[in-house]
Amino acid sequence: MKSIIWSLGLLVLVAVGATVLVWSGAYNIAADQPHWSLTEDLMETVRDRSIVARLSGITAPDLGDESLIRVGAGNYDAMCVGCHLQPGEDHSELSVGLYPAPPNLSRDKAEDPVEAFWIIKHGIKMSGMPAWGKSMEDEYIWGMVAFLQRLPGMSADQYHELVEASEGHTHGHADTDDTHDEGATIHAHPDGSQHEHKD
């Protein structure tokens, strides 16, 4: 019984302490001040485990499809370079003011394409990463994922040549009821048309 009372007392103290912390304004929410290390560790763990728990059933298409990569190049250049940069850039006016700092995708490869797809589609709360799936169909998101596999190590000239060869900013109309099948395989064609089928 004594251990139960101690446990309840500890829970009450934690709850009171958390309430005081929130209402006092002691925690600095400013983007130019880093999180406490404990807060950062907790948020990173929550983020990583949350994403992994939601990847089941998502199947990547052929990410070596050149037409799919070209589609992704145009959309990346239109929608992503402000935060995630292009070859030859170390920062941008926007990227230096974001916290947490967005990864430099022109240098750091997205190792897991399925995870990259989920993040691009659904975004991440309180990070500045939007949910592009609200306005972009899955095949175009896969195009950006395919492009991200090619981007690291690309020269500035190669980057601009690929962007120029693309159709620019184009991504269809996303399903607002979120019923689009994330497990579908996407086939993109040089004429810009796409179709999908279940494997």
C-alpha atoms as a PDB file:
ATOM      1  CA  MET A   1       0.000   0.000   0.000  1.00  0.00           C
ATOM      2  CA  LYS A   2       2.839   2.393   0.882  1.00  0.00           C
ATOM      3  CA  SER A   3       4.421   1.907  -2.576  1.00  0.00           C
ATOM      4  CA  ILE A   4       1.091   2.725  -4.229  1.00  0.00           C
ATOM      5  CA  ILE A   5       0.804   5.941  -2.203  1.00  0.00           C
ATOM      6  CA  TRP A   6       4.376   6.915  -3.148  1.00  0.00           C
ATOM      7  CA  SER A   7       3.646   6.217  -6.828  1.00  0.00           C
ATOM      8  CA  LEU A   8       0.473   8.298  -6.757  1.00  0.00           C
ATOM      9  CA  GLY A   9       2.302  11.114  -4.971  1.00  0.00           C
ATOM     10  CA  LEU A  10       5.049  11.068  -7.594  1.00  0.00           C
ATOM     11  CA  LEU A  11       2.479  11.209 -10.409  1.00  0.00           C
ATOM     12  CA  VAL A  12       0.814  14.195  -8.750  1.00  0.00           C
ATOM     13  CA  LEU A  13       4.152  15.993  -8.395  1.00  0.00           C
ATOM     14  CA  VAL A  14       4.991  15.348 -12.060  1.00  0.00           C
ATOM     15  CA  ALA A  15       1.571  16.603 -13.142  1.00  0.00           C
ATOM     16  CA  VAL A  16       1.874  19.736 -11.012  1.00  0.00           C
ATOM     17  CA  GLY A  17       5.416  20.374 -12.251  1.00  0.00           C
ATOM     18  CA  ALA A  18       4.350  19.976 -15.886  1.00  0.00           C
ATOM     19  CA  THR A  19       1.422  22.336 -15.337  1.00  0.00           C
ATOM     20  CA  VAL A  20       3.654  24.980 -13.748  1.00  0.00           C
ATOM     21  CA  LEU A  21       6.170  24.639 -16.593  1.00  0.00           C
ATOM     22  CA  VAL A  22       3.498  25.099 -19.267  1.00  0.00           C
ATOM     23  CA  TRP A  23       1.638  27.991 -17.655  1.00  0.00           C
ATOM     24  CA  SER A  24       4.734  29.854 -16.476  1.00  0.00           C
ATOM     25  CA  GLY A  25       6.061  30.229 -20.018  1.00  0.00           C
ATOM     26  CA  ALA A  26       9.488  29.076 -18.795  1.00  0.00           C
ATOM     27  CA  TYR A  27       9.993  26.827 -21.820  1.00  0.00           C
ATOM     28  CA  ASN A  28      11.319  28.944 -24.695  1.00  0.00           C
ATOM     29  CA  ILE A  29       9.376  28.028 -27.845  1.00  0.00           C
ATOM     30  CA  ALA A  30      11.454  30.327 -30.113  1.00  0.00           C
ATOM     31  CA  ALA A  31      12.848  28.653 -33.247  1.00  0.00           C
ATOM     32  CA  ASP A  32      16.236  30.294 -32.725  1.00  0.00           C
ATOM     33  CA  GLN A  33      16.742  28.499 -29.394  1.00  0.00           C
ATOM     34  CA  PRO A  34      17.407  24.733 -29.346  1.00  0.00           C
ATOM     35  CA  HIS A  35      15.296  22.260 -27.407  1.00  0.00           C
ATOM     36  CA  TRP A  36      16.488  20.909 -24.112  1.00  0.00           C
ATOM     37  CA  SER A  37      18.367  17.674 -24.859  1.00  0.00           C
ATOM     38  CA  LEU A  38      15.724  15.620 -23.062  1.00  0.00           C
ATOM     39  CA  THR A  39      12.957  17.245 -25.125  1.00  0.00           C
ATOM     40  CA  GLU A  40      14.885  16.701 -28.359  1.00  0.00           C
ATOM     41  CA  ASP A  41      15.582  13.036 -27.571  1.00  0.00           C
ATOM     42  CA  LEU A  42      11.945  12.419 -26.675  1.00  0.00           C
ATOM     43  CA  MET A  43      10.594  14.132 -29.794  1.00  0.00           C
ATOM     44  CA  GLU A  44      13.034  12.300 -32.091  1.00  0.00           C
ATOM     45  CA  THR A  45      12.072   8.953 -30.570  1.00  0.00           C
ATOM     46  CA  VAL A  46       8.347   9.698 -30.881  1.00  0.00           C
ATOM     47  CA  ARG A  47       8.842  10.814 -34.507  1.00  0.00           C
ATOM     48  CA  ASP A  48      10.925   7.803 -35.553  1.00  0.00           C
ATOM     49  CA  ARG A  49       8.697   5.207 -33.889  1.00  0.00           C
ATOM     50  CA  SER A  50       5.535   6.867 -35.200  1.00  0.00           C
ATOM     51  CA  ILE A  51       6.794   6.757 -38.803  1.00  0.00           C
ATOM     52  CA  VAL A  52       8.017   3.148 -38.612  1.00  0.00           C
ATOM     53  CA  ALA A  53       4.660   2.049 -37.206  1.00  0.00           C
ATOM     54  CA  ARG A  54       2.869   3.406 -40.290  1.00  0.00           C
ATOM     55  CA  LEU A  55       4.976   2.047 -43.169  1.00  0.00           C
ATOM     56  CA  SER A  56       3.324  -1.347 -43.504  1.00  0.00           C
ATOM     57  CA  GLY A  57       1.716  -1.999 -46.887  1.00  0.00           C
ATOM     58  CA  ILE A  58       3.553   0.756 -48.788  1.00  0.00           C
ATOM     59  CA  THR A  59       5.366  -0.616 -51.841  1.00  0.00           C
ATOM     60  CA  ALA A  60       7.808   1.469 -53.843  1.00  0.00           C
ATOM     61  CA  PRO A  61       7.649   1.518 -57.653  1.00  0.00           C
ATOM     62  CA  ASP A  62      10.740   1.236 -59.859  1.00  0.00           C
ATOM     63  CA  LEU A  63      12.730   4.199 -58.547  1.00  0.00           C
ATOM     64  CA  GLY A  64      15.204   3.889 -61.412  1.00  0.00           C
ATOM     65  CA  ASP A  65      12.522   4.865 -63.963  1.00  0.00           C
ATOM     66  CA  GLU A  66      14.017   7.896 -65.731  1.00  0.00           C
ATOM     67  CA  SER A  67      10.633   9.455 -66.508  1.00  0.00           C
ATOM     68  CA  LEU A  68       9.637   9.184 -62.852  1.00  0.00           C
ATOM     69  CA  ILE A  69      12.933  10.808 -61.820  1.00  0.00           C
ATOM     70  CA  ARG A  70      12.353  13.704 -64.244  1.00  0.00           C
ATOM     71  CA  VAL A  71       8.892  14.301 -62.795  1.00  0.00           C
ATOM     72  CA  GLY A  72      10.422  14.368 -59.324  1.00  0.00           C
ATOM     73  CA  ALA A  73      13.180  16.776 -60.403  1.00  0.00           C
ATOM     74  CA  GLY A  74      10.703  19.416 -61.549  1.00  0.00           C
ATOM     75  CA  ASN A  75       8.614  19.172 -58.407  1.00  0.00           C
ATOM     76  CA  TYR A  76      11.633  19.128 -56.088  1.00  0.00           C
ATOM     77  CA  ASP A  77      12.985  22.280 -57.717  1.00  0.00           C
ATOM     78  CA  ALA A  78       9.617  24.008 -57.370  1.00  0.00           C
ATOM     79  CA  MET A  79       8.671  22.845 -53.892  1.00  0.00           C
ATOM     80  CA  CYS A  80      11.673  21.681 -51.885  1.00  0.00           C
ATOM     81  CA  VAL A  81      14.911  23.561 -52.646  1.00  0.00           C
ATOM     82  CA  GLY A  82      14.080  26.439 -50.298  1.00  0.00           C
ATOM     83  CA  CYS A  83      14.463  24.098 -47.322  1.00  0.00           C
ATOM     84  CA  HIS A  84      16.351  21.050 -48.594  1.00  0.00           C
ATOM     85  CA  LEU A  85      18.695  22.835 -51.018  1.00  0.00           C
ATOM     86  CA  GLN A  86      20.272  21.972 -54.370  1.00  0.00           C
ATOM     87  CA  PRO A  87      23.828  20.942 -55.279  1.00  0.00           C
ATOM     88  CA  GLY A  88      26.342  23.662 -54.444  1.00  0.00           C
ATOM     89  CA  GLU A  89      24.259  25.172 -51.622  1.00  0.00           C
ATOM     90  CA  ASP A  90      25.008  24.889 -47.909  1.00  0.00           C
ATOM     91  CA  HIS A  91      22.017  26.916 -46.739  1.00  0.00           C
ATOM     92  CA  SER A  92      19.239  29.187 -47.919  1.00  0.00           C
ATOM     93  CA  GLU A  93      17.514  32.192 -46.408  1.00  0.00           C
ATOM     94  CA  LEU A  94      14.674  29.901 -45.369  1.00  0.00           C
ATOM     95  CA  SER A  95      16.688  26.901 -44.181  1.00  0.00           C
ATOM     96  CA  VAL A  96      18.823  28.867 -41.700  1.00  0.00           C
ATOM     97  CA  GLY A  97      15.714  30.033 -39.844  1.00  0.00           C
ATOM     98  CA  LEU A  98      14.078  26.629 -39.443  1.00  0.00           C
ATOM     99  CA  TYR A  99      14.348  24.520 -36.309  1.00  0.00           C
ATOM    100  CA  PRO A 100      14.869  21.657 -36.402  1.00  0.00           C
ATOM    101  CA  ALA A 101      17.123  22.314 -39.397  1.00  0.00           C
ATOM    102  CA  PRO A 102      15.875  20.494 -42.515  1.00  0.00           C
ATOM    103  CA  PRO A 103      18.311  17.919 -43.910  1.00  0.00           C
ATOM    104  CA  ASN A 104      20.389  18.925 -46.922  1.00  0.00           C
ATOM    105  CA  LEU A 105      18.976  16.384 -49.368  1.00  0.00           C
ATOM    106  CA  SER A 106      21.439  17.410 -52.074  1.00  0.00           C
ATOM    107  CA  ARG A 107      24.109  15.849 -49.868  1.00  0.00           C
ATOM    108  CA  ASP A 108      22.381  13.343 -47.567  1.00  0.00           C
ATOM    109  CA  LYS A 109      20.611  10.423 -49.247  1.00  0.00           C
ATOM    110  CA  ALA A 110      17.153   9.393 -48.027  1.00  0.00           C
ATOM    111  CA  GLU A 111      18.113   5.817 -47.117  1.00  0.00           C
ATOM    112  CA  ASP A 112      14.619   4.318 -46.890  1.00  0.00           C
ATOM    113  CA  PRO A 113      12.465   5.272 -49.915  1.00  0.00           C
ATOM    114  CA  VAL A 114       9.253   4.067 -48.243  1.00  0.00           C
ATOM    115  CA  GLU A 115       9.940   6.245 -45.205  1.00  0.00           C
ATOM    116  CA  ALA A 116      10.753   9.195 -47.479  1.00  0.00           C
ATOM    117  CA  PHE A 117       7.438   8.666 -49.290  1.00  0.00           C
ATOM    118  CA  TRP A 118       5.491   8.644 -46.013  1.00  0.00           C
ATOM    119  CA  ILE A 119       7.202  11.804 -44.735  1.00  0.00           C
ATOM    120  CA  ILE A 120       6.636  13.713 -47.986  1.00  0.00           C
ATOM    121  CA  LYS A 121       2.997  12.638 -48.137  1.00  0.00           C
ATOM    122  CA  HIS A 122       2.016  13.131 -44.496  1.00  0.00           C
ATOM    123  CA  GLY A 123       4.524  15.722 -43.233  1.00  0.00           C
ATOM    124  CA  ILE A 124       5.740  16.003 -39.645  1.00  0.00           C
ATOM    125  CA  LYS A 125       3.987  18.083 -37.010  1.00  0.00           C
ATOM    126  CA  MET A 126       5.780  21.173 -35.660  1.00  0.00           C
ATOM    127  CA  SER A 127       8.808  20.729 -37.924  1.00  0.00           C
ATOM    128  CA  GLY A 128       8.011  22.896 -40.945  1.00  0.00           C
ATOM    129  CA  MET A 129       7.618  19.754 -43.110  1.00  0.00           C
ATOM    130  CA  PRO A 130       4.220  20.019 -44.852  1.00  0.00           C
ATOM    131  CA  ALA A 131       1.933  17.143 -45.811  1.00  0.00           C
ATOM    132  CA  TRP A 132       2.304  17.326 -49.608  1.00  0.00           C
ATOM    133  CA  GLY A 133      -0.263  14.535 -49.943  1.00  0.00           C
ATOM    134  CA  LYS A 134      -2.946  17.154 -49.356  1.00  0.00           C
ATOM    135  CA  SER A 135      -2.271  18.571 -52.813  1.00  0.00           C
ATOM    136  CA  MET A 136      -0.134  15.966 -54.577  1.00  0.00           C
ATOM    137  CA  GLU A 137      -1.059  12.530 -55.917  1.00  0.00           C
ATOM    138  CA  ASP A 138       1.005   9.545 -54.842  1.00  0.00           C
ATOM    139  CA  GLU A 139       2.687   8.971 -58.211  1.00  0.00           C
ATOM    140  CA  TYR A 140       4.201  12.456 -58.092  1.00  0.00           C
ATOM    141  CA  ILE A 141       5.374  11.908 -54.534  1.00  0.00           C
ATOM    142  CA  TRP A 142       7.071   8.721 -55.693  1.00  0.00           C
ATOM    143  CA  GLY A 143       8.679  10.833 -58.411  1.00  0.00           C
ATOM    144  CA  MET A 144      10.276  13.020 -55.761  1.00  0.00           C
ATOM    145  CA  VAL A 145      11.398   9.931 -53.845  1.00  0.00           C
ATOM    146  CA  ALA A 146      12.980   8.552 -57.032  1.00  0.00           C
ATOM    147  CA  PHE A 147      14.724  11.877 -57.642  1.00  0.00           C
ATOM    148  CA  LEU A 148      16.035  11.958 -54.064  1.00  0.00           C
ATOM    149  CA  GLN A 149      17.801   8.642 -54.679  1.00  0.00           C
ATOM    150  CA  ARG A 150      19.714  10.307 -57.535  1.00  0.00           C
ATOM    151  CA  LEU A 151      20.257  13.780 -56.063  1.00  0.00           C
ATOM    152  CA  PRO A 152      23.194  13.286 -53.632  1.00  0.00           C
ATOM    153  CA  GLY A 153      26.470  13.532 -55.539  1.00  0.00           C
ATOM    154  CA  MET A 154      24.833  15.322 -58.470  1.00  0.00           C
ATOM    155  CA  SER A 155      26.667  18.399 -59.709  1.00  0.00           C
ATOM    156  CA  ALA A 156      24.920  21.761 -60.001  1.00  0.00           C
ATOM    157  CA  ASP A 157      25.015  21.459 -63.804  1.00  0.00           C
ATOM    158  CA  GLN A 158      23.555  17.947 -63.746  1.00  0.00           C
ATOM    159  CA  TYR A 159      20.832  19.118 -61.386  1.00  0.00           C
ATOM    160  CA  HIS A 160      19.809  22.027 -63.611  1.00  0.00           C
ATOM    161  CA  GLU A 161      19.912  19.885 -66.764  1.00  0.00           C
ATOM    162  CA  LEU A 162      17.550  17.353 -65.185  1.00  0.00           C
ATOM    163  CA  VAL A 163      15.204  20.074 -63.935  1.00  0.00           C
ATOM    164  CA  GLU A 164      15.176  21.660 -67.411  1.00  0.00           C
ATOM    165  CA  ALA A 165      14.307  18.265 -68.926  1.00  0.00           C
ATOM    166  CA  SER A 166      11.319  17.912 -66.583  1.00  0.00           C
ATOM    167  CA  GLU A 167       7.808  19.258 -67.009  1.00  0.00           C
ATOM    168  CA  GLY A 168       8.320  21.585 -64.059  1.00  0.00           C
ATOM    169  CA  HIS A 169       5.829  21.875 -61.235  1.00  0.00           C
ATOM    170  CA  THR A 170       3.093  19.318 -61.830  1.00  0.00           C
ATOM    171  CA  HIS A 171       1.419  16.939 -59.430  1.00  0.00           C
ATOM    172  CA  GLY A 172      -2.234  16.227 -60.232  1.00  0.00           C
ATOM    173  CA  HIS A 173      -4.985  16.481 -57.667  1.00  0.00           C
ATOM    174  CA  ALA A 174      -4.651  14.547 -54.434  1.00  0.00           C
ATOM    175  CA  ASP A 175      -7.468  12.452 -52.999  1.00  0.00           C
ATOM    176  CA  THR A 176      -8.809  14.552 -50.144  1.00  0.00           C
ATOM    177  CA  ASP A 177     -10.535  11.540 -48.534  1.00  0.00           C
ATOM    178  CA  ASP A 178      -7.118   9.808 -48.149  1.00  0.00           C
ATOM    179  CA  THR A 179      -8.373   6.640 -49.848  1.00  0.00           C
ATOM    180  CA  HIS A 180      -5.566   6.512 -52.429  1.00  0.00           C
ATOM    181  CA  ASP A 181      -3.774   3.167 -52.256  1.00  0.00           C
ATOM    182  CA  GLU A 182      -0.249   3.748 -50.957  1.00  0.00           C
ATOM    183  CA  GLY A 183       0.686   0.189 -51.898  1.00  0.00           C
ATOM    184  CA  ALA A 184       0.039   0.686 -55.613  1.00  0.00           C
ATOM    185  CA  THR A 185       2.911   0.554 -58.074  1.00  0.00           C
ATOM    186  CA  ILE A 186       3.213   3.655 -60.239  1.00  0.00           C
ATOM    187  CA  HIS A 187       4.389   3.666 -63.837  1.00  0.00           C
ATOM    188  CA  ALA A 188       5.281   7.039 -65.316  1.00  0.00           C
ATOM    189  CA  HIS A 189       5.748   7.614 -69.045  1.00  0.00           C
ATOM    190  CA  PRO A 190       7.777  10.180 -70.967  1.00  0.00           C
ATOM    191  CA  ASP A 191       4.601  11.849 -72.182  1.00  0.00           C
ATOM    192  CA  GLY A 192       3.764  12.723 -68.580  1.00  0.00           C
ATOM    193  CA  SER A 193       0.932  10.216 -68.158  1.00  0.00           C
ATOM    194  CA  GLN A 194       0.892   7.754 -65.278  1.00  0.00           C
ATOM    195  CA  HIS A 195      -1.042   4.666 -64.313  1.00  0.00           C
ATOM    196  CA  GLU A 196      -0.939   2.366 -61.359  1.00  0.00           C
ATOM    197  CA  HIS A 197      -1.671  -1.233 -60.548  1.00  0.00           C
ATOM    198  CA  LYS A 198      -1.574  -3.468 -57.518  1.00  0.00           C
ATOM    199  CA  ASP A 199       1.275  -6.026 -57.470  1.00  0.00           C
END
